[in-house]
Amino acid sequence: MENKFYLKEFEYYDGESFVKFNIVALYDEKNITLAVSKQGKVTVSKYDLHTDENGLYFEYGIAGQEHIYIEDFEEITEC
């Protein structure tokens, strides 16, 4: 599973600014490591993965209220 999603990205608007997630590692369906870019700062964070009827996701935001689905990530394209 790791190679299928490596470095794919997803951009999310949290109500204040855009947050960009890049997949660093996805070894199993339990954890994901992401590079998270927000307001010029980059952090590397590990999240637990969950599954529902829409697929595999991690929780983000206040109390994990937002579900970010792995299948929504896209390949990085060069301009």
N, C-alpha and C. Protein backbone atom coordinates (compact mmCIF):
# COMPACT_ATOMS: atom_id res chain seq x y z
N MET A 1 0.82 -1.20 0.00
CA MET A 1 0.00 0.00 0.00
C MET A 1 0.86 1.26 0.00
N GLU A 2 2.06 1.20 0.54
CA GLU A 2 2.91 2.38 0.67
C GLU A 2 3.20 3.05 -0.67
N ASN A 3 3.63 2.31 -1.68
CA ASN A 3 4.01 2.89 -2.96
C ASN A 3 2.83 3.48 -3.72
N LYS A 4 1.65 2.94 -3.55
CA LYS A 4 0.47 3.42 -4.26
C LYS A 4 0.14 4.87 -3.90
N PHE A 5 0.37 5.27 -2.67
CA PHE A 5 -0.04 6.59 -2.22
C PHE A 5 1.12 7.53 -1.89
N TYR A 6 2.37 7.08 -1.97
CA TYR A 6 3.53 7.87 -1.54
C TYR A 6 3.55 9.25 -2.19
N LEU A 7 3.62 10.28 -1.38
CA LEU A 7 3.70 11.69 -1.74
C LEU A 7 2.48 12.26 -2.45
N LYS A 8 1.39 11.53 -2.50
CA LYS A 8 0.17 12.13 -3.03
C LYS A 8 -0.26 13.24 -2.08
N GLU A 9 -1.00 14.22 -2.61
CA GLU A 9 -1.37 15.34 -1.77
C GLU A 9 -2.86 15.64 -1.82
N PHE A 10 -3.30 16.35 -0.79
CA PHE A 10 -4.68 16.78 -0.68
C PHE A 10 -4.69 18.16 -0.04
N GLU A 11 -5.49 19.08 -0.59
CA GLU A 11 -5.58 20.41 -0.02
C GLU A 11 -6.96 20.58 0.60
N TYR A 12 -6.99 21.13 1.80
CA TYR A 12 -8.21 21.26 2.58
C TYR A 12 -8.30 22.69 3.14
N TYR A 13 -9.47 23.31 3.07
CA TYR A 13 -9.68 24.63 3.66
C TYR A 13 -10.34 24.45 5.02
N ASP A 14 -9.68 24.90 6.08
CA ASP A 14 -10.18 24.67 7.44
C ASP A 14 -11.03 25.82 7.99
N GLY A 15 -11.41 26.74 7.13
CA GLY A 15 -12.22 27.89 7.56
C GLY A 15 -11.39 29.13 7.76
N GLU A 16 -10.07 28.98 7.92
CA GLU A 16 -9.16 30.11 8.10
C GLU A 16 -8.09 30.15 7.02
N SER A 17 -7.59 28.98 6.66
CA SER A 17 -6.51 28.90 5.67
C SER A 17 -6.50 27.53 5.02
N PHE A 18 -5.72 27.42 3.95
CA PHE A 18 -5.59 26.14 3.28
C PHE A 18 -4.53 25.30 3.98
N VAL A 19 -4.80 24.02 4.10
CA VAL A 19 -3.88 23.07 4.70
C VAL A 19 -3.57 22.04 3.62
N LYS A 20 -2.28 21.80 3.39
CA LYS A 20 -1.88 20.81 2.39
C LYS A 20 -1.30 19.59 3.10
N PHE A 21 -1.81 18.42 2.75
CA PHE A 21 -1.35 17.16 3.30
C PHE A 21 -0.61 16.39 2.22
N ASN A 22 0.59 15.92 2.52
CA ASN A 22 1.34 15.04 1.62
C ASN A 22 1.61 13.74 2.36
N ILE A 23 1.28 12.61 1.73
CA ILE A 23 1.49 11.32 2.35
C ILE A 23 2.98 10.98 2.33
N VAL A 24 3.54 10.72 3.49
CA VAL A 24 4.93 10.32 3.63
C VAL A 24 5.02 8.80 3.73
N ALA A 25 4.15 8.20 4.54
CA ALA A 25 4.17 6.75 4.72
C ALA A 25 2.78 6.24 5.05
N LEU A 26 2.42 5.14 4.40
CA LEU A 26 1.17 4.45 4.66
C LEU A 26 1.48 2.97 4.57
N TYR A 27 1.85 2.41 5.71
CA TYR A 27 2.34 1.03 5.73
C TYR A 27 1.24 0.00 5.88
N ASP A 28 0.16 0.37 6.50
CA ASP A 28 -0.95 -0.55 6.73
C ASP A 28 -2.23 0.27 6.81
N GLU A 29 -3.30 -0.34 7.17
CA GLU A 29 -4.56 0.40 7.27
C GLU A 29 -4.84 0.87 8.69
N LYS A 30 -3.77 1.07 9.48
CA LYS A 30 -3.92 1.53 10.86
C LYS A 30 -3.35 2.92 11.10
N ASN A 31 -2.27 3.28 10.39
CA ASN A 31 -1.59 4.56 10.61
C ASN A 31 -1.14 5.17 9.30
N ILE A 32 -1.06 6.50 9.31
CA ILE A 32 -0.55 7.24 8.17
C ILE A 32 0.37 8.34 8.70
N THR A 33 1.47 8.59 8.01
CA THR A 33 2.37 9.69 8.34
C THR A 33 2.24 10.72 7.22
N LEU A 34 1.99 11.98 7.62
CA LEU A 34 1.75 13.05 6.67
C LEU A 34 2.66 14.24 6.93
N ALA A 35 3.07 14.92 5.87
CA ALA A 35 3.67 16.24 5.97
C ALA A 35 2.50 17.21 5.85
N VAL A 36 2.31 18.03 6.87
CA VAL A 36 1.18 18.95 6.92
C VAL A 36 1.70 20.38 6.80
N SER A 37 1.28 21.09 5.75
CA SER A 37 1.71 22.48 5.51
C SER A 37 0.55 23.41 5.78
N LYS A 38 0.77 24.35 6.72
CA LYS A 38 -0.28 25.31 7.05
C LYS A 38 0.36 26.64 7.42
N GLN A 39 -0.05 27.68 6.74
CA GLN A 39 0.43 29.04 6.98
C GLN A 39 1.95 29.12 7.01
N GLY A 40 2.60 28.47 6.06
CA GLY A 40 4.05 28.54 5.93
C GLY A 40 4.83 27.62 6.84
N LYS A 41 4.15 26.84 7.66
CA LYS A 41 4.83 25.91 8.56
C LYS A 41 4.55 24.48 8.11
N VAL A 42 5.58 23.64 8.20
CA VAL A 42 5.44 22.24 7.82
C VAL A 42 5.75 21.38 9.04
N THR A 43 4.85 20.45 9.32
CA THR A 43 5.07 19.49 10.40
C THR A 43 4.84 18.09 9.83
N VAL A 44 5.48 17.12 10.43
CA VAL A 44 5.25 15.73 10.07
C VAL A 44 4.49 15.10 11.23
N SER A 45 3.31 14.57 10.91
CA SER A 45 2.43 14.03 11.94
C SER A 45 1.94 12.65 11.56
N LYS A 46 1.69 11.84 12.59
CA LYS A 46 1.16 10.50 12.40
C LYS A 46 -0.29 10.50 12.87
N TYR A 47 -1.18 9.91 12.06
CA TYR A 47 -2.60 9.85 12.38
C TYR A 47 -3.07 8.40 12.36
N ASP A 48 -4.05 8.10 13.20
CA ASP A 48 -4.72 6.80 13.16
C ASP A 48 -5.68 6.80 11.98
N LEU A 49 -5.81 5.65 11.32
CA LEU A 49 -6.75 5.51 10.22
C LEU A 49 -8.01 4.80 10.68
N HIS A 50 -9.13 5.18 10.06
CA HIS A 50 -10.43 4.60 10.36
C HIS A 50 -11.10 4.24 9.04
N THR A 51 -12.14 3.43 9.13
CA THR A 51 -12.87 3.03 7.93
C THR A 51 -14.36 3.21 8.17
N ASP A 52 -15.05 3.72 7.15
CA ASP A 52 -16.51 3.76 7.17
C ASP A 52 -17.01 3.37 5.79
N GLU A 53 -18.29 3.59 5.52
CA GLU A 53 -18.85 3.20 4.24
C GLU A 53 -18.24 3.93 3.05
N ASN A 54 -17.55 5.06 3.29
CA ASN A 54 -16.93 5.83 2.22
C ASN A 54 -15.45 5.51 2.02
N GLY A 55 -14.87 4.68 2.88
CA GLY A 55 -13.49 4.28 2.72
C GLY A 55 -12.60 4.59 3.91
N LEU A 56 -11.30 4.58 3.65
CA LEU A 56 -10.27 4.79 4.66
C LEU A 56 -10.04 6.29 4.86
N TYR A 57 -10.00 6.75 6.13
CA TYR A 57 -9.83 8.18 6.41
C TYR A 57 -9.07 8.39 7.72
N PHE A 58 -8.60 9.64 7.91
CA PHE A 58 -8.07 10.07 9.20
C PHE A 58 -8.87 11.27 9.65
N GLU A 59 -8.85 11.52 10.94
CA GLU A 59 -9.61 12.63 11.52
C GLU A 59 -8.69 13.84 11.67
N TYR A 60 -9.22 15.03 11.35
CA TYR A 60 -8.45 16.26 11.42
C TYR A 60 -9.34 17.36 11.99
N GLY A 61 -8.72 18.33 12.62
CA GLY A 61 -9.44 19.47 13.14
C GLY A 61 -9.81 19.31 14.60
N ILE A 62 -10.63 20.22 15.06
CA ILE A 62 -11.05 20.22 16.45
C ILE A 62 -11.84 18.95 16.74
N ALA A 63 -11.33 18.18 17.70
CA ALA A 63 -11.95 16.91 18.12
C ALA A 63 -12.13 15.95 16.95
N GLY A 64 -11.29 16.07 15.92
CA GLY A 64 -11.35 15.14 14.79
C GLY A 64 -12.64 15.23 14.01
N GLN A 65 -13.23 16.41 13.96
CA GLN A 65 -14.54 16.56 13.32
C GLN A 65 -14.52 16.39 11.81
N GLU A 66 -13.37 16.60 11.17
CA GLU A 66 -13.28 16.44 9.72
C GLU A 66 -12.70 15.08 9.37
N HIS A 67 -13.30 14.40 8.43
CA HIS A 67 -12.78 13.13 7.94
C HIS A 67 -12.13 13.37 6.58
N ILE A 68 -10.83 13.12 6.49
CA ILE A 68 -10.08 13.29 5.25
C ILE A 68 -9.84 11.89 4.68
N TYR A 69 -10.43 11.62 3.51
CA TYR A 69 -10.37 10.29 2.91
C TYR A 69 -9.11 10.12 2.05
N ILE A 70 -8.45 8.99 2.21
CA ILE A 70 -7.21 8.70 1.50
C ILE A 70 -7.43 8.69 -0.01
N GLU A 71 -8.55 8.19 -0.46
CA GLU A 71 -8.83 8.12 -1.90
C GLU A 71 -8.98 9.50 -2.53
N ASP A 72 -9.14 10.57 -1.73
CA ASP A 72 -9.25 11.93 -2.26
C ASP A 72 -7.90 12.55 -2.58
N PHE A 73 -6.82 11.91 -2.14
CA PHE A 73 -5.48 12.42 -2.43
C PHE A 73 -5.17 12.22 -3.91
N GLU A 74 -4.41 13.16 -4.49
CA GLU A 74 -4.07 13.10 -5.90
C GLU A 74 -2.56 13.11 -6.08
N GLU A 75 -2.12 12.62 -7.23
CA GLU A 75 -0.70 12.67 -7.55
C GLU A 75 -0.25 14.10 -7.73
N ILE A 76 0.97 14.38 -7.33
CA ILE A 76 1.54 15.71 -7.52
C ILE A 76 1.93 15.83 -8.98
N THR A 77 1.48 16.90 -9.63
CA THR A 77 1.82 17.13 -11.03
C THR A 77 2.72 18.34 -11.13
N GLU A 78 3.70 18.25 -11.97
CA GLU A 78 4.61 19.37 -12.21
C GLU A 78 4.04 20.28 -13.28
N CYS A 79 4.22 21.57 -13.12
CA CYS A 79 3.74 22.55 -14.10
C CYS A 79 4.81 22.88 -15.11
